[in-house]
Amino acid sequence: MLRIRLNPARLHVSVFDESPDPPVVAHPAAGVAACWGRGLALVEEVADTWGVAVERAGRYAKGVWFELRPAG
């Protein structure tokens, strides 16, 4: 599930899934083909701040959120 909130100060995005496994920042080796594992590394690189959601969302077991602020 995806939640997006926008206000003049920031864009806040939360992504929830059903897996009980904790989110992990993975940095696969260059040239390694993988279908998963790069999402949090990308978030870590571009987001102003991010973290693990403390609230649950219905049937979803965990969530990760990040925020982007306007340039300037």
N, C-alpha and C. Protein backbone atom coordinates (compact mmCIF):
# COMPACT_ATOMS: atom_id res chain seq x y z
N MET A 1 0.85 -1.16 0.00
CA MET A 1 0.00 0.00 0.00
C MET A 1 0.90 1.23 0.00
N LEU A 2 0.46 2.24 -0.70
CA LEU A 2 1.21 3.47 -0.83
C LEU A 2 0.38 4.63 -0.29
N ARG A 3 1.00 5.46 0.54
CA ARG A 3 0.37 6.70 1.03
C ARG A 3 1.28 7.86 0.65
N ILE A 4 0.68 8.90 0.10
CA ILE A 4 1.44 10.08 -0.28
C ILE A 4 0.74 11.31 0.30
N ARG A 5 1.52 12.13 1.01
CA ARG A 5 1.00 13.39 1.54
C ARG A 5 1.91 14.51 1.06
N LEU A 6 1.29 15.56 0.59
CA LEU A 6 2.06 16.70 0.09
C LEU A 6 1.58 17.96 0.78
N ASN A 7 2.53 18.74 1.26
CA ASN A 7 2.22 20.08 1.77
C ASN A 7 3.34 21.00 1.29
N PRO A 8 3.25 22.30 1.49
CA PRO A 8 4.28 23.19 0.96
C PRO A 8 5.69 22.89 1.45
N ALA A 9 5.81 22.27 2.60
CA ALA A 9 7.14 22.04 3.18
C ALA A 9 7.77 20.72 2.78
N ARG A 10 6.96 19.72 2.37
CA ARG A 10 7.56 18.41 2.09
C ARG A 10 6.58 17.47 1.40
N LEU A 11 7.16 16.44 0.80
CA LEU A 11 6.43 15.31 0.26
C LEU A 11 6.73 14.14 1.19
N HIS A 12 5.70 13.52 1.74
CA HIS A 12 5.87 12.39 2.66
C HIS A 12 5.26 11.16 1.99
N VAL A 13 6.07 10.11 1.82
CA VAL A 13 5.62 8.88 1.17
C VAL A 13 5.82 7.73 2.14
N SER A 14 4.78 6.90 2.31
CA SER A 14 4.86 5.68 3.11
C SER A 14 4.50 4.51 2.23
N VAL A 15 5.26 3.43 2.35
CA VAL A 15 5.02 2.21 1.59
C VAL A 15 4.92 1.07 2.59
N PHE A 16 3.81 0.33 2.53
CA PHE A 16 3.56 -0.78 3.44
C PHE A 16 3.49 -2.08 2.66
N ASP A 17 3.93 -3.17 3.28
CA ASP A 17 3.75 -4.49 2.67
C ASP A 17 3.38 -5.51 3.72
N GLU A 18 3.09 -6.72 3.30
CA GLU A 18 2.60 -7.77 4.19
C GLU A 18 3.70 -8.60 4.81
N SER A 19 4.93 -8.43 4.40
CA SER A 19 6.02 -9.23 4.92
C SER A 19 6.37 -8.81 6.35
N PRO A 20 6.52 -9.78 7.25
CA PRO A 20 6.93 -9.44 8.61
C PRO A 20 8.44 -9.20 8.73
N ASP A 21 9.19 -9.47 7.67
CA ASP A 21 10.64 -9.29 7.70
C ASP A 21 10.98 -7.81 7.80
N PRO A 22 11.93 -7.46 8.66
CA PRO A 22 12.29 -6.04 8.80
C PRO A 22 12.95 -5.52 7.52
N PRO A 23 12.76 -4.24 7.22
CA PRO A 23 13.40 -3.68 6.04
C PRO A 23 14.91 -3.62 6.24
N VAL A 24 15.64 -3.87 5.16
CA VAL A 24 17.10 -3.88 5.20
C VAL A 24 17.63 -3.07 4.03
N VAL A 25 18.59 -2.21 4.30
CA VAL A 25 19.26 -1.48 3.22
C VAL A 25 20.30 -2.41 2.63
N ALA A 26 20.14 -2.74 1.35
CA ALA A 26 21.08 -3.63 0.67
C ALA A 26 21.84 -2.84 -0.38
N HIS A 27 23.10 -3.16 -0.54
CA HIS A 27 23.93 -2.53 -1.57
C HIS A 27 24.54 -3.64 -2.41
N PRO A 28 23.75 -4.18 -3.37
CA PRO A 28 24.29 -5.26 -4.21
C PRO A 28 25.52 -4.79 -4.98
N ALA A 29 26.40 -5.72 -5.24
CA ALA A 29 27.62 -5.39 -5.99
C ALA A 29 27.26 -4.89 -7.38
N ALA A 30 28.08 -4.01 -7.89
CA ALA A 30 27.86 -3.49 -9.25
C ALA A 30 27.81 -4.64 -10.25
N GLY A 31 26.87 -4.55 -11.16
CA GLY A 31 26.75 -5.56 -12.20
C GLY A 31 25.94 -6.78 -11.80
N VAL A 32 25.56 -6.87 -10.54
CA VAL A 32 24.77 -8.02 -10.09
C VAL A 32 23.30 -7.76 -10.41
N ALA A 33 22.68 -8.69 -11.12
CA ALA A 33 21.26 -8.56 -11.45
C ALA A 33 20.44 -9.07 -10.27
N ALA A 34 19.50 -8.25 -9.82
CA ALA A 34 18.61 -8.65 -8.72
C ALA A 34 17.26 -8.00 -8.95
N CYS A 35 16.21 -8.71 -8.57
CA CYS A 35 14.85 -8.19 -8.73
C CYS A 35 14.39 -7.45 -7.49
N TRP A 36 15.15 -7.47 -6.43
CA TRP A 36 14.77 -6.81 -5.19
C TRP A 36 16.03 -6.37 -4.47
N GLY A 37 15.84 -5.54 -3.44
CA GLY A 37 16.95 -5.21 -2.57
C GLY A 37 17.58 -3.85 -2.78
N ARG A 38 17.15 -3.12 -3.80
CA ARG A 38 17.77 -1.82 -4.06
C ARG A 38 16.92 -0.65 -3.59
N GLY A 39 15.67 -0.88 -3.26
CA GLY A 39 14.75 0.20 -2.93
C GLY A 39 15.21 1.09 -1.80
N LEU A 40 15.58 0.51 -0.68
CA LEU A 40 16.01 1.33 0.45
C LEU A 40 17.33 2.03 0.20
N ALA A 41 18.20 1.41 -0.58
CA ALA A 41 19.46 2.08 -0.92
C ALA A 41 19.17 3.34 -1.74
N LEU A 42 18.19 3.26 -2.64
CA LEU A 42 17.80 4.44 -3.41
C LEU A 42 17.17 5.50 -2.51
N VAL A 43 16.29 5.06 -1.62
CA VAL A 43 15.66 5.99 -0.67
C VAL A 43 16.72 6.67 0.18
N GLU A 44 17.65 5.89 0.70
CA GLU A 44 18.72 6.44 1.54
C GLU A 44 19.53 7.49 0.79
N GLU A 45 19.72 7.29 -0.50
CA GLU A 45 20.52 8.21 -1.31
C GLU A 45 19.81 9.52 -1.61
N VAL A 46 18.50 9.48 -1.90
CA VAL A 46 17.82 10.68 -2.39
C VAL A 46 16.93 11.38 -1.36
N ALA A 47 16.48 10.67 -0.34
CA ALA A 47 15.54 11.26 0.62
C ALA A 47 16.25 12.19 1.60
N ASP A 48 15.52 13.21 2.03
CA ASP A 48 16.04 14.09 3.08
C ASP A 48 16.05 13.37 4.41
N THR A 49 15.05 12.54 4.64
CA THR A 49 14.97 11.72 5.86
C THR A 49 14.08 10.52 5.55
N TRP A 50 14.29 9.42 6.28
CA TRP A 50 13.47 8.24 6.08
C TRP A 50 13.51 7.39 7.34
N GLY A 51 12.60 6.42 7.43
CA GLY A 51 12.58 5.54 8.58
C GLY A 51 11.55 4.44 8.41
N VAL A 52 11.43 3.65 9.44
CA VAL A 52 10.45 2.56 9.47
C VAL A 52 9.19 3.07 10.13
N ALA A 53 8.05 2.83 9.50
CA ALA A 53 6.77 3.30 10.03
C ALA A 53 6.45 2.57 11.33
N VAL A 54 6.03 3.31 12.32
CA VAL A 54 5.67 2.71 13.60
C VAL A 54 4.24 2.17 13.60
N GLU A 55 3.39 2.75 12.76
CA GLU A 55 2.00 2.29 12.72
C GLU A 55 1.85 1.19 11.70
N ARG A 56 0.87 0.34 11.93
CA ARG A 56 0.50 -0.67 10.95
C ARG A 56 -0.64 -0.10 10.12
N ALA A 57 -0.85 -0.65 8.97
CA ALA A 57 -1.92 -0.19 8.10
C ALA A 57 -2.77 -1.40 7.70
N GLY A 58 -3.79 -1.67 8.50
CA GLY A 58 -4.66 -2.82 8.20
C GLY A 58 -3.88 -4.12 8.23
N ARG A 59 -3.93 -4.85 7.14
CA ARG A 59 -3.27 -6.16 7.10
C ARG A 59 -1.77 -6.06 6.86
N TYR A 60 -1.26 -4.87 6.61
CA TYR A 60 0.15 -4.71 6.27
C TYR A 60 1.02 -4.76 7.52
N ALA A 61 2.08 -5.54 7.44
CA ALA A 61 2.91 -5.83 8.60
C ALA A 61 3.95 -4.75 8.89
N LYS A 62 4.46 -4.12 7.85
CA LYS A 62 5.50 -3.12 8.08
C LYS A 62 5.42 -2.04 7.03
N GLY A 63 6.08 -0.95 7.31
CA GLY A 63 6.11 0.15 6.37
C GLY A 63 7.41 0.91 6.48
N VAL A 64 7.74 1.58 5.40
CA VAL A 64 8.89 2.46 5.35
C VAL A 64 8.39 3.79 4.83
N TRP A 65 8.90 4.89 5.38
CA TRP A 65 8.50 6.21 4.92
C TRP A 65 9.75 7.01 4.56
N PHE A 66 9.55 8.01 3.70
CA PHE A 66 10.62 8.96 3.41
C PHE A 66 10.01 10.31 3.11
N GLU A 67 10.84 11.33 3.23
CA GLU A 67 10.41 12.69 2.96
C GLU A 67 11.37 13.37 2.00
N LEU A 68 10.78 14.16 1.11
CA LEU A 68 11.55 15.00 0.20
C LEU A 68 11.11 16.43 0.43
N ARG A 69 12.06 17.32 0.50
CA ARG A 69 11.75 18.75 0.68
C ARG A 69 12.10 19.49 -0.61
N PRO A 70 11.39 20.58 -0.89
CA PRO A 70 11.71 21.33 -2.10
C PRO A 70 13.12 21.90 -2.06
N ALA A 71 13.71 22.00 -3.21
CA ALA A 71 15.07 22.58 -3.29
C ALA A 71 15.03 24.05 -2.90
N GLY A 72 16.09 24.50 -2.27
CA GLY A 72 16.17 25.91 -1.93
C GLY A 72 15.83 26.18 -0.58
